Structure formats: C-alpha cells, structure tokens
Amino acid sequence: MKSKKLYKVTFLSQGKTLELYAHQVASSALWGFTEVGEIVFDSQGEGVVIDPTEERLREEFGNTRVLHLPIQCILRVEEVDRRAPLAIRDATSGEKVVTPFPIAPPLRKP
C-alpha cells in the first residue's frame, strides 16, 4: 500500500508565519485560493510531553476539513518525507512566538 504524500505548508496569518502539515494541497474551486486538506497533527494523548505550538494550532485548525488560503499568503509548500515539530513565528522577525517547554526561569538579580 502506497503511503499518502505529506506536505509542509508555510503561510502568513495575522502577522504570524504558521506551519502546518497536510496530505492534500490543490488549487481551490474558489478563485485565488489554495486548498489544504487532511491536516496532520501528532496523535493526541500518546505521550506525556505536550507541545504548546501543536496544541495552539490544533485548537485553531483541529476541526477544519479543508482550509482555503489566499495564494498571496502562502510562502511555500514542500513535499516532505516526515513531519517535524510545528512552528509559529513572528512574520517580521522570524522569532518563535510560542516557546516549547522546558524553559528556564529568568535569573533573579541579587
């Protein structure tokens, strides 16, 4: 059985650069849009470690059957072999907006 293709879609949304993985990417029936379907998330509840970026994107897109993105918002679409951790970045600086755990507490000055 042939496995489904996996695409990494990087796009702009509300001042942030988001990355999602999906099994379907195609031109939409809506003119000027790209259709992203079968969005892939890590299996829920299979581990103790929770990725806050994954949870935030799952909250926003978890119930989405097909996402129609304006073509001018899409930065890149890559066909990949395997999934990597998701990212939400500031669109201007490229800095990660959601910091994965664990993070060290700030040092206290004496």
PDB file of N, CA and C in Angstrom:
ATOM      1  N   MET A   1       0.834  -1.185   0.000  1.00  0.00           N
ATOM      2  CA  MET A   1       0.000   0.000   0.000  1.00  0.00           C
ATOM      3  C   MET A   1       0.879   1.249   0.000  1.00  0.00           C
ATOM      4  N   LYS A   2       0.618   2.155  -0.890  1.00  0.00           N
ATOM      5  CA  LYS A   2       1.394   3.381  -1.011  1.00  0.00           C
ATOM      6  C   LYS A   2       0.931   4.389   0.038  1.00  0.00           C
ATOM      7  N   SER A   3       1.897   4.971   0.753  1.00  0.00           N
ATOM      8  CA  SER A   3       1.529   5.965   1.765  1.00  0.00           C
ATOM      9  C   SER A   3       1.182   7.287   1.086  1.00  0.00           C
ATOM     10  N   LYS A   4       0.369   8.079   1.777  1.00  0.00           N
ATOM     11  CA  LYS A   4      -0.051   9.368   1.232  1.00  0.00           C
ATOM     12  C   LYS A   4       1.114  10.346   1.237  1.00  0.00           C
ATOM     13  N   LYS A   5       1.096  11.259   0.278  1.00  0.00           N
ATOM     14  CA  LYS A   5       2.097  12.320   0.253  1.00  0.00           C
ATOM     15  C   LYS A   5       1.878  13.227   1.457  1.00  0.00           C
ATOM     16  N   LEU A   6       2.972  13.808   1.939  1.00  0.00           N
ATOM     17  CA  LEU A   6       2.902  14.718   3.080  1.00  0.00           C
ATOM     18  C   LEU A   6       3.482  16.062   2.651  1.00  0.00           C
ATOM     19  N   TYR A   7       2.727  17.125   2.894  1.00  0.00           N
ATOM     20  CA  TYR A   7       3.141  18.473   2.517  1.00  0.00           C
ATOM     21  C   TYR A   7       3.290  19.346   3.759  1.00  0.00           C
ATOM     22  N   LYS A   8       4.336  20.155   3.761  1.00  0.00           N
ATOM     23  CA  LYS A   8       4.512  21.180   4.784  1.00  0.00           C
ATOM     24  C   LYS A   8       4.106  22.497   4.133  1.00  0.00           C
ATOM     25  N   VAL A   9       3.101  23.158   4.710  1.00  0.00           N
ATOM     26  CA  VAL A   9       2.576  24.407   4.158  1.00  0.00           C
ATOM     27  C   VAL A   9       2.938  25.529   5.121  1.00  0.00           C
ATOM     28  N   THR A  10       3.665  26.526   4.635  1.00  0.00           N
ATOM     29  CA  THR A  10       4.054  27.685   5.434  1.00  0.00           C
ATOM     30  C   THR A  10       3.308  28.893   4.880  1.00  0.00           C
ATOM     31  N   PHE A  11       2.568  29.590   5.771  1.00  0.00           N
ATOM     32  CA  PHE A  11       1.749  30.701   5.310  1.00  0.00           C
ATOM     33  C   PHE A  11       1.649  31.792   6.361  1.00  0.00           C
ATOM     34  N   LEU A  12       1.255  32.989   5.915  1.00  0.00           N
ATOM     35  CA  LEU A  12       1.085  34.142   6.799  1.00  0.00           C
ATOM     36  C   LEU A  12      -0.361  34.220   7.286  1.00  0.00           C
ATOM     37  N   SER A  13      -0.520  34.536   8.572  1.00  0.00           N
ATOM     38  CA  SER A  13      -1.846  34.719   9.144  1.00  0.00           C
ATOM     39  C   SER A  13      -1.745  35.663  10.328  1.00  0.00           C
ATOM     40  N   GLN A  14      -2.388  36.815  10.234  1.00  0.00           N
ATOM     41  CA  GLN A  14      -2.477  37.794  11.315  1.00  0.00           C
ATOM     42  C   GLN A  14      -1.114  38.149  11.912  1.00  0.00           C
ATOM     43  N   GLY A  15      -0.158  38.455  11.037  1.00  0.00           N
ATOM     44  CA  GLY A  15       1.161  38.892  11.485  1.00  0.00           C
ATOM     45  C   GLY A  15       2.083  37.778  11.946  1.00  0.00           C
ATOM     46  N   LYS A  16       1.682  36.536  11.729  1.00  0.00           N
ATOM     47  CA  LYS A  16       2.496  35.397  12.122  1.00  0.00           C
ATOM     48  C   LYS A  16       2.703  34.471  10.926  1.00  0.00           C
ATOM     49  N   THR A  17       3.815  33.751  10.962  1.00  0.00           N
ATOM     50  CA  THR A  17       4.083  32.722   9.972  1.00  0.00           C
ATOM     51  C   THR A  17       3.748  31.385  10.623  1.00  0.00           C
ATOM     52  N   LEU A  18       2.814  30.643  10.027  1.00  0.00           N
ATOM     53  CA  LEU A  18       2.381  29.362  10.579  1.00  0.00           C
ATOM     54  C   LEU A  18       2.850  28.231   9.682  1.00  0.00           C
ATOM     55  N   GLU A  19       3.124  27.078  10.290  1.00  0.00           N
ATOM     56  CA  GLU A  19       3.475  25.877   9.546  1.00  0.00           C
ATOM     57  C   GLU A  19       2.470  24.793   9.888  1.00  0.00           C
ATOM     58  N   LEU A  20       1.921  24.151   8.870  1.00  0.00           N
ATOM     59  CA  LEU A  20       1.023  23.015   9.045  1.00  0.00           C
ATOM     60  C   LEU A  20       1.464  21.896   8.115  1.00  0.00           C
ATOM     61  N   TYR A  21       1.114  20.679   8.474  1.00  0.00           N
ATOM     62  CA  TYR A  21       1.342  19.531   7.608  1.00  0.00           C
ATOM     63  C   TYR A  21      -0.008  19.013   7.145  1.00  0.00           C
ATOM     64  N   ALA A  22      -0.081  18.585   5.884  1.00  0.00           N
ATOM     65  CA  ALA A  22      -1.333  18.107   5.318  1.00  0.00           C
ATOM     66  C   ALA A  22      -1.052  17.051   4.258  1.00  0.00           C
ATOM     67  N   HIS A  23      -2.078  16.224   3.987  1.00  0.00           N
ATOM     68  CA  HIS A  23      -1.956  15.200   2.957  1.00  0.00           C
ATOM     69  C   HIS A  23      -2.459  15.685   1.608  1.00  0.00           C
ATOM     70  N   GLN A  24      -3.234  16.768   1.591  1.00  0.00           N
ATOM     71  CA  GLN A  24      -3.769  17.265   0.320  1.00  0.00           C
ATOM     72  C   GLN A  24      -3.509  18.767   0.177  1.00  0.00           C
ATOM     73  N   VAL A  25      -2.971  19.165  -0.962  1.00  0.00           N
ATOM     74  CA  VAL A  25      -2.800  20.565  -1.334  1.00  0.00           C
ATOM     75  C   VAL A  25      -3.156  20.679  -2.809  1.00  0.00           C
ATOM     76  N   ALA A  26      -4.069  21.599  -3.134  1.00  0.00           N
ATOM     77  CA  ALA A  26      -4.507  21.734  -4.529  1.00  0.00           C
ATOM     78  C   ALA A  26      -5.058  23.129  -4.762  1.00  0.00           C
ATOM     79  N   SER A  27      -5.227  23.477  -6.029  1.00  0.00           N
ATOM     80  CA  SER A  27      -5.906  24.731  -6.361  1.00  0.00           C
ATOM     81  C   SER A  27      -7.354  24.609  -5.915  1.00  0.00           C
ATOM     82  N   SER A  28      -7.864  25.662  -5.330  1.00  0.00           N
ATOM     83  CA  SER A  28      -9.235  25.658  -4.829  1.00  0.00           C
ATOM     84  C   SER A  28     -10.223  26.001  -5.934  1.00  0.00           C
ATOM     85  N   ALA A  29     -11.462  25.583  -5.748  1.00  0.00           N
ATOM     86  CA  ALA A  29     -12.538  25.986  -6.656  1.00  0.00           C
ATOM     87  C   ALA A  29     -12.839  27.471  -6.470  1.00  0.00           C
ATOM     88  N   LEU A  30     -12.429  28.028  -5.337  1.00  0.00           N
ATOM     89  CA  LEU A  30     -12.549  29.469  -5.088  1.00  0.00           C
ATOM     90  C   LEU A  30     -11.359  30.142  -5.765  1.00  0.00           C
ATOM     91  N   TRP A  31     -11.601  31.018  -6.701  1.00  0.00           N
ATOM     92  CA  TRP A  31     -10.534  31.647  -7.470  1.00  0.00           C
ATOM     93  C   TRP A  31      -9.580  32.409  -6.553  1.00  0.00           C
ATOM     94  N   GLY A  32      -8.266  32.180  -6.719  1.00  0.00           N
ATOM     95  CA  GLY A  32      -7.244  32.884  -5.957  1.00  0.00           C
ATOM     96  C   GLY A  32      -6.906  32.231  -4.625  1.00  0.00           C
ATOM     97  N   PHE A  33      -7.424  31.036  -4.388  1.00  0.00           N
ATOM     98  CA  PHE A  33      -7.170  30.340  -3.129  1.00  0.00           C
ATOM     99  C   PHE A  33      -6.515  28.989  -3.393  1.00  0.00           C
ATOM    100  N   THR A  34      -5.778  28.503  -2.383  1.00  0.00           N
ATOM    101  CA  THR A  34      -5.215  27.157  -2.404  1.00  0.00           C
ATOM    102  C   THR A  34      -5.901  26.368  -1.299  1.00  0.00           C
ATOM    103  N   GLU A  35      -6.238  25.150  -1.607  1.00  0.00           N
ATOM    104  CA  GLU A  35      -6.973  24.276  -0.698  1.00  0.00           C
ATOM    105  C   GLU A  35      -5.990  23.355   0.019  1.00  0.00           C
ATOM    106  N   VAL A  36      -6.069  23.320   1.352  1.00  0.00           N
ATOM    107  CA  VAL A  36      -5.219  22.454   2.161  1.00  0.00           C
ATOM    108  C   VAL A  36      -6.155  21.534   2.940  1.00  0.00           C
ATOM    109  N   GLY A  37      -6.061  20.231   2.690  1.00  0.00           N
ATOM    110  CA  GLY A  37      -6.957  19.275   3.333  1.00  0.00           C
ATOM    111  C   GLY A  37      -6.204  18.182   4.057  1.00  0.00           C
ATOM    112  N   GLU A  38      -6.921  17.474   4.911  1.00  0.00           N
ATOM    113  CA  GLU A  38      -6.363  16.398   5.733  1.00  0.00           C
ATOM    114  C   GLU A  38      -5.148  16.897   6.518  1.00  0.00           C
ATOM    115  N   ILE A  39      -5.375  17.923   7.329  1.00  0.00           N
ATOM    116  CA  ILE A  39      -4.312  18.494   8.157  1.00  0.00           C
ATOM    117  C   ILE A  39      -3.863  17.448   9.169  1.00  0.00           C
ATOM    118  N   VAL A  40      -2.540  17.323   9.353  1.00  0.00           N
ATOM    119  CA  VAL A  40      -1.955  16.280  10.189  1.00  0.00           C
ATOM    120  C   VAL A  40      -1.427  16.888  11.481  1.00  0.00           C
ATOM    121  N   PHE A  41      -1.853  16.300  12.599  1.00  0.00           N
ATOM    122  CA  PHE A  41      -1.317  16.648  13.919  1.00  0.00           C
ATOM    123  C   PHE A  41      -0.774  15.381  14.556  1.00  0.00           C
ATOM    124  N   ASP A  42       0.096  15.538  15.584  1.00  0.00           N
ATOM    125  CA  ASP A  42       0.563  14.374  16.332  1.00  0.00           C
ATOM    126  C   ASP A  42      -0.638  13.701  16.965  1.00  0.00           C
ATOM    127  N   SER A  43      -0.536  12.405  17.167  1.00  0.00           N
ATOM    128  CA  SER A  43      -1.623  11.679  17.819  1.00  0.00           C
ATOM    129  C   SER A  43      -1.827  12.236  19.212  1.00  0.00           C
ATOM    130  N   GLN A  44      -3.065  12.538  19.521  1.00  0.00           N
ATOM    131  CA  GLN A  44      -3.393  13.166  20.798  1.00  0.00           C
ATOM    132  C   GLN A  44      -3.353  12.133  21.909  1.00  0.00           C
ATOM    133  N   GLY A  45      -2.727  12.513  23.017  1.00  0.00           N
ATOM    134  CA  GLY A  45      -2.739  11.673  24.201  1.00  0.00           C
ATOM    135  C   GLY A  45      -1.793  10.491  24.166  1.00  0.00           C
ATOM    136  N   GLU A  46      -0.841  10.450  23.249  1.00  0.00           N
ATOM    137  CA  GLU A  46       0.074   9.324  23.176  1.00  0.00           C
ATOM    138  C   GLU A  46       1.365   9.572  23.940  1.00  0.00           C
ATOM    139  N   GLY A  47       1.465  10.653  24.636  1.00  0.00           N
ATOM    140  CA  GLY A  47       2.676  10.921  25.384  1.00  0.00           C
ATOM    141  C   GLY A  47       2.408  11.887  26.516  1.00  0.00           C
ATOM    142  N   VAL A  48       3.421  12.045  27.344  1.00  0.00           N
ATOM    143  CA  VAL A  48       3.306  12.942  28.482  1.00  0.00           C
ATOM    144  C   VAL A  48       3.679  14.358  28.080  1.00  0.00           C
ATOM    145  N   VAL A  49       4.608  14.495  27.143  1.00  0.00           N
ATOM    146  CA  VAL A  49       5.081  15.803  26.726  1.00  0.00           C
ATOM    147  C   VAL A  49       4.056  16.445  25.781  1.00  0.00           C
ATOM    148  N   ILE A  50       3.687  17.684  26.092  1.00  0.00           N
ATOM    149  CA  ILE A  50       2.730  18.414  25.272  1.00  0.00           C
ATOM    150  C   ILE A  50       3.458  19.581  24.625  1.00  0.00           C
ATOM    151  N   ASP A  51       3.362  19.668  23.314  1.00  0.00           N
ATOM    152  CA  ASP A  51       3.971  20.757  22.566  1.00  0.00           C
ATOM    153  C   ASP A  51       2.961  21.905  22.518  1.00  0.00           C
ATOM    154  N   PRO A  52       3.258  23.063  23.136  1.00  0.00           N
ATOM    155  CA  PRO A  52       2.297  24.166  23.160  1.00  0.00           C
ATOM    156  C   PRO A  52       1.968  24.713  21.769  1.00  0.00           C
ATOM    157  N   THR A  53       2.929  24.660  20.850  1.00  0.00           N
ATOM    158  CA  THR A  53       2.670  25.113  19.484  1.00  0.00           C
ATOM    159  C   THR A  53       1.666  24.193  18.815  1.00  0.00           C
ATOM    160  N   GLU A  54       1.874  22.901  18.972  1.00  0.00           N
ATOM    161  CA  GLU A  54       0.963  21.904  18.405  1.00  0.00           C
ATOM    162  C   GLU A  54      -0.445  22.095  18.962  1.00  0.00           C
ATOM    163  N   GLU A  55      -0.555  22.307  20.267  1.00  0.00           N
ATOM    164  CA  GLU A  55      -1.866  22.486  20.896  1.00  0.00           C
ATOM    165  C   GLU A  55      -2.568  23.746  20.396  1.00  0.00           C
ATOM    166  N   ARG A  56      -1.811  24.818  20.240  1.00  0.00           N
ATOM    167  CA  ARG A  56      -2.391  26.076  19.763  1.00  0.00           C
ATOM    168  C   ARG A  56      -2.916  25.929  18.331  1.00  0.00           C
ATOM    169  N   LEU A  57      -2.141  25.278  17.464  1.00  0.00           N
ATOM    170  CA  LEU A  57      -2.575  25.068  16.089  1.00  0.00           C
ATOM    171  C   LEU A  57      -3.724  24.062  16.011  1.00  0.00           C
ATOM    172  N   ARG A  58      -3.719  23.059  16.883  1.00  0.00           N
ATOM    173  CA  ARG A  58      -4.812  22.083  16.923  1.00  0.00           C
ATOM    174  C   ARG A  58      -6.108  22.767  17.348  1.00  0.00           C
ATOM    175  N   GLU A  59      -6.025  23.709  18.313  1.00  0.00           N
ATOM    176  CA  GLU A  59      -7.215  24.453  18.741  1.00  0.00           C
ATOM    177  C   GLU A  59      -7.802  25.255  17.584  1.00  0.00           C
ATOM    178  N   GLU A  60      -6.933  25.858  16.786  1.00  0.00           N
ATOM    179  CA  GLU A  60      -7.406  26.706  15.691  1.00  0.00           C
ATOM    180  C   GLU A  60      -7.852  25.915  14.465  1.00  0.00           C
ATOM    181  N   PHE A  61      -7.127  24.842  14.113  1.00  0.00           N
ATOM    182  CA  PHE A  61      -7.394  24.136  12.862  1.00  0.00           C
ATOM    183  C   PHE A  61      -7.821  22.678  13.034  1.00  0.00           C
ATOM    184  N   GLY A  62      -7.975  22.209  14.260  1.00  0.00           N
ATOM    185  CA  GLY A  62      -8.279  20.802  14.521  1.00  0.00           C
ATOM    186  C   GLY A  62      -9.575  20.315  13.908  1.00  0.00           C
ATOM    187  N   ASN A  63     -10.595  21.156  13.831  1.00  0.00           N
ATOM    188  CA  ASN A  63     -11.890  20.752  13.273  1.00  0.00           C
ATOM    189  C   ASN A  63     -12.072  21.195  11.824  1.00  0.00           C
ATOM    190  N   THR A  64     -11.005  21.638  11.194  1.00  0.00           N
ATOM    191  CA  THR A  64     -11.076  22.138   9.819  1.00  0.00           C
ATOM    192  C   THR A  64     -10.973  20.975   8.841  1.00  0.00           C
ATOM    193  N   ARG A  65     -11.988  20.833   7.974  1.00  0.00           N
ATOM    194  CA  ARG A  65     -11.938  19.790   6.942  1.00  0.00           C
ATOM    195  C   ARG A  65     -11.030  20.210   5.806  1.00  0.00           C
ATOM    196  N   VAL A  66     -11.253  21.419   5.287  1.00  0.00           N
ATOM    197  CA  VAL A  66     -10.427  21.969   4.208  1.00  0.00           C
ATOM    198  C   VAL A  66     -10.170  23.435   4.512  1.00  0.00           C
ATOM    199  N   LEU A  67      -8.914  23.830   4.454  1.00  0.00           N
ATOM    200  CA  LEU A  67      -8.513  25.206   4.694  1.00  0.00           C
ATOM    201  C   LEU A  67      -8.268  25.856   3.331  1.00  0.00           C
ATOM    202  N   HIS A  68      -8.955  26.967   3.060  1.00  0.00           N
ATOM    203  CA  HIS A  68      -8.765  27.699   1.798  1.00  0.00           C
ATOM    204  C   HIS A  68      -7.915  28.926   2.106  1.00  0.00           C
ATOM    205  N   LEU A  69      -6.679  28.929   1.621  1.00  0.00           N
ATOM    206  CA  LEU A  69      -5.739  30.017   1.886  1.00  0.00           C
ATOM    207  C   LEU A  69      -5.586  30.891   0.649  1.00  0.00           C
ATOM    208  N   PRO A  70      -5.637  32.222   0.823  1.00  0.00           N
ATOM    209  CA  PRO A  70      -5.367  33.114  -0.319  1.00  0.00           C
ATOM    210  C   PRO A  70      -3.940  32.866  -0.815  1.00  0.00           C
ATOM    211  N   ILE A  71      -3.773  32.825  -2.129  1.00  0.00           N
ATOM    212  CA  ILE A  71      -2.460  32.476  -2.673  1.00  0.00           C
ATOM    213  C   ILE A  71      -1.368  33.463  -2.254  1.00  0.00           C
ATOM    214  N   GLN A  72      -1.723  34.734  -2.013  1.00  0.00           N
ATOM    215  CA  GLN A  72      -0.702  35.708  -1.626  1.00  0.00           C
ATOM    216  C   GLN A  72      -0.213  35.502  -0.189  1.00  0.00           C
ATOM    217  N   CYS A  73      -0.904  34.679   0.606  1.00  0.00           N
ATOM    218  CA  CYS A  73      -0.486  34.401   1.983  1.00  0.00           C
ATOM    219  C   CYS A  73       0.461  33.209   2.078  1.00  0.00           C
ATOM    220  N   ILE A  74       0.507  32.386   1.047  1.00  0.00           N
ATOM    221  CA  ILE A  74       1.327  31.173   1.094  1.00  0.00           C
ATOM    222  C   ILE A  74       2.775  31.522   0.783  1.00  0.00           C
ATOM    223  N   LEU A  75       3.666  31.149   1.689  1.00  0.00           N
ATOM    224  CA  LEU A  75       5.095  31.394   1.487  1.00  0.00           C
ATOM    225  C   LEU A  75       5.753  30.233   0.755  1.00  0.00           C
ATOM    226  N   ARG A  76       5.373  29.001   1.132  1.00  0.00           N
ATOM    227  CA  ARG A  76       5.950  27.834   0.453  1.00  0.00           C
ATOM    228  C   ARG A  76       5.139  26.592   0.768  1.00  0.00           C
ATOM    229  N   VAL A  77       5.202  25.654  -0.169  1.00  0.00           N
ATOM    230  CA  VAL A  77       4.617  24.325   0.003  1.00  0.00           C
ATOM    231  C   VAL A  77       5.718  23.334  -0.329  1.00  0.00           C
ATOM    232  N   GLU A  78       6.022  22.451   0.614  1.00  0.00           N
ATOM    233  CA  GLU A  78       7.086  21.473   0.419  1.00  0.00           C
ATOM    234  C   GLU A  78       6.522  20.062   0.548  1.00  0.00           C
ATOM    235  N   GLU A  79       6.913  19.172  -0.338  1.00  0.00           N
ATOM    236  CA  GLU A  79       6.587  17.764  -0.151  1.00  0.00           C
ATOM    237  C   GLU A  79       7.722  17.177   0.673  1.00  0.00           C
ATOM    238  N   VAL A  80       7.396  16.593   1.813  1.00  0.00           N
ATOM    239  CA  VAL A  80       8.407  16.108   2.752  1.00  0.00           C
ATOM    240  C   VAL A  80       8.211  14.615   3.023  1.00  0.00           C
ATOM    241  N   ASP A  81       9.256  13.990   3.572  1.00  0.00           N
ATOM    242  CA  ASP A  81       9.186  12.569   3.906  1.00  0.00           C
ATOM    243  C   ASP A  81       8.575  12.335   5.277  1.00  0.00           C
ATOM    244  N   ARG A  82       8.881  13.238   6.212  1.00  0.00           N
ATOM    245  CA  ARG A  82       8.362  13.057   7.566  1.00  0.00           C
ATOM    246  C   ARG A  82       8.055  14.397   8.195  1.00  0.00           C
ATOM    247  N   ARG A  83       7.251  14.340   9.202  1.00  0.00           N
ATOM    248  CA  ARG A  83       6.783  15.516   9.916  1.00  0.00           C
ATOM    249  C   ARG A  83       7.816  15.972  10.936  1.00  0.00           C
ATOM    250  N   ALA A  84       7.983  17.268  11.088  1.00  0.00           N
ATOM    251  CA  ALA A  84       8.858  17.854  12.101  1.00  0.00           C
ATOM    252  C   ALA A  84       7.976  18.659  13.065  1.00  0.00           C
ATOM    253  N   PRO A  85       8.542  19.155  14.172  1.00  0.00           N
ATOM    254  CA  PRO A  85       7.737  19.988  15.072  1.00  0.00           C
ATOM    255  C   PRO A  85       7.180  21.213  14.350  1.00  0.00           C
ATOM    256  N   LEU A  86       5.951  21.581  14.688  1.00  0.00           N
ATOM    257  CA  LEU A  86       5.306  22.745  14.095  1.00  0.00           C
ATOM    258  C   LEU A  86       5.896  24.031  14.667  1.00  0.00           C
ATOM    259  N   ALA A  87       5.700  25.135  13.964  1.00  0.00           N
ATOM    260  CA  ALA A  87       6.226  26.413  14.428  1.00  0.00           C
ATOM    261  C   ALA A  87       5.237  27.529  14.143  1.00  0.00           C
ATOM    262  N   ILE A  88       5.208  28.485  15.058  1.00  0.00           N
ATOM    263  CA  ILE A  88       4.506  29.749  14.861  1.00  0.00           C
ATOM    264  C   ILE A  88       5.565  30.813  15.080  1.00  0.00           C
ATOM    265  N   ARG A  89       5.793  31.644  14.076  1.00  0.00           N
ATOM    266  CA  ARG A  89       6.838  32.666  14.164  1.00  0.00           C
ATOM    267  C   ARG A  89       6.247  34.048  13.905  1.00  0.00           C
ATOM    268  N   ASP A  90       6.913  35.060  14.423  1.00  0.00           N
ATOM    269  CA  ASP A  90       6.558  36.433  14.097  1.00  0.00           C
ATOM    270  C   ASP A  90       6.946  36.651  12.642  1.00  0.00           C
ATOM    271  N   ALA A  91       6.041  37.213  11.858  1.00  0.00           N
ATOM    272  CA  ALA A  91       6.274  37.347  10.411  1.00  0.00           C
ATOM    273  C   ALA A  91       7.423  38.297  10.087  1.00  0.00           C
ATOM    274  N   THR A  92       7.664  39.309  10.901  1.00  0.00           N
ATOM    275  CA  THR A  92       8.721  40.268  10.575  1.00  0.00           C
ATOM    276  C   THR A  92      10.085  39.838  11.102  1.00  0.00           C
ATOM    277  N   SER A  93      10.148  39.321  12.333  1.00  0.00           N
ATOM    278  CA  SER A  93      11.441  38.978  12.921  1.00  0.00           C
ATOM    279  C   SER A  93      11.833  37.517  12.700  1.00  0.00           C
ATOM    280  N   GLY A  94      10.853  36.640  12.502  1.00  0.00           N
ATOM    281  CA  GLY A  94      11.152  35.220  12.358  1.00  0.00           C
ATOM    282  C   GLY A  94      11.326  34.506  13.686  1.00  0.00           C
ATOM    283  N   GLU A  95      11.203  35.239  14.797  1.00  0.00           N
ATOM    284  CA  GLU A  95      11.337  34.650  16.131  1.00  0.00           C
ATOM    285  C   GLU A  95      10.136  33.773  16.434  1.00  0.00           C
ATOM    286  N   LYS A  96      10.372  32.655  17.125  1.00  0.00           N
ATOM    287  CA  LYS A  96       9.264  31.788  17.518  1.00  0.00           C
ATOM    288  C   LYS A  96       8.370  32.525  18.499  1.00  0.00           C
ATOM    289  N   VAL A  97       7.047  32.438  18.275  1.00  0.00           N
ATOM    290  CA  VAL A  97       6.077  33.109  19.136  1.00  0.00           C
ATOM    291  C   VAL A  97       5.729  32.231  20.323  1.00  0.00           C
ATOM    292  N   VAL A  98       5.606  30.940  20.116  1.00  0.00           N
ATOM    293  CA  VAL A  98       5.300  30.002  21.189  1.00  0.00           C
ATOM    294  C   VAL A  98       6.581  29.264  21.516  1.00  0.00           C
ATOM    295  N   THR A  99       7.021  29.363  22.767  1.00  0.00           N
ATOM    296  CA  THR A  99       8.248  28.724  23.192  1.00  0.00           C
ATOM    297  C   THR A  99       7.936  27.330  23.720  1.00  0.00           C
ATOM    298  N   PRO A 100       8.569  26.289  23.169  1.00  0.00           N
ATOM    299  CA  PRO A 100       8.315  24.943  23.675  1.00  0.00           C
ATOM    300  C   PRO A 100       8.904  24.755  25.068  1.00  0.00           C
ATOM    301  N   PHE A 101       8.289  23.880  25.847  1.00  0.00           N
ATOM    302  CA  PHE A 101       8.815  23.543  27.166  1.00  0.00           C
ATOM    303  C   PHE A 101      10.000  22.627  26.994  1.00  0.00           C
ATOM    304  N   PRO A 102      10.931  22.475  27.884  1.00  0.00           N
ATOM    305  CA  PRO A 102      11.051  23.251  29.098  1.00  0.00           C
ATOM    306  C   PRO A 102      11.785  24.563  28.850  1.00  0.00           C
ATOM    307  N   ILE A 103      11.433  25.564  29.608  1.00  0.00           N
ATOM    308  CA  ILE A 103      12.157  26.831  29.544  1.00  0.00           C
ATOM    309  C   ILE A 103      12.711  27.121  30.929  1.00  0.00           C
ATOM    310  N   ALA A 104      13.850  27.710  30.935  1.00  0.00           N
ATOM    311  CA  ALA A 104      14.477  28.037  32.218  1.00  0.00           C
ATOM    312  C   ALA A 104      13.843  29.309  32.757  1.00  0.00           C
ATOM    313  N   PRO A 105      13.629  29.369  34.066  1.00  0.00           N
ATOM    314  CA  PRO A 105      13.083  30.593  34.636  1.00  0.00           C
ATOM    315  C   PRO A 105      14.103  31.709  34.533  1.00  0.00           C
ATOM    316  N   PRO A 106      13.633  32.959  34.484  1.00  0.00           N
ATOM    317  CA  PRO A 106      14.605  34.067  34.422  1.00  0.00           C
ATOM    318  C   PRO A 106      15.453  34.124  35.681  1.00  0.00           C
ATOM    319  N   LEU A 107      16.706  34.498  35.494  1.00  0.00           N
ATOM    320  CA  LEU A 107      17.615  34.592  36.637  1.00  0.00           C
ATOM    321  C   LEU A 107      17.251  35.815  37.474  1.00  0.00           C
ATOM    322  N   ARG A 108      17.268  35.603  38.779  1.00  0.00           N
ATOM    323  CA  ARG A 108      16.985  36.723  39.696  1.00  0.00           C
ATOM    324  C   ARG A 108      18.288  37.432  40.025  1.00  0.00           C
ATOM    325  N   LYS A 109      18.198  38.747  40.031  1.00  0.00           N
ATOM    326  CA  LYS A 109      19.378  39.535  40.387  1.00  0.00           C
ATOM    327  C   LYS A 109      19.383  39.716  41.891  1.00  0.00           C
ATOM    328  N   PRO A 110      20.565  39.589  42.509  1.00  0.00           N
ATOM    329  CA  PRO A 110      20.637  39.748  43.965  1.00  0.00           C
ATOM    330  C   PRO A 110      20.373  41.139  44.453  1.00  0.00           C
TER     331      PRO A 110
END
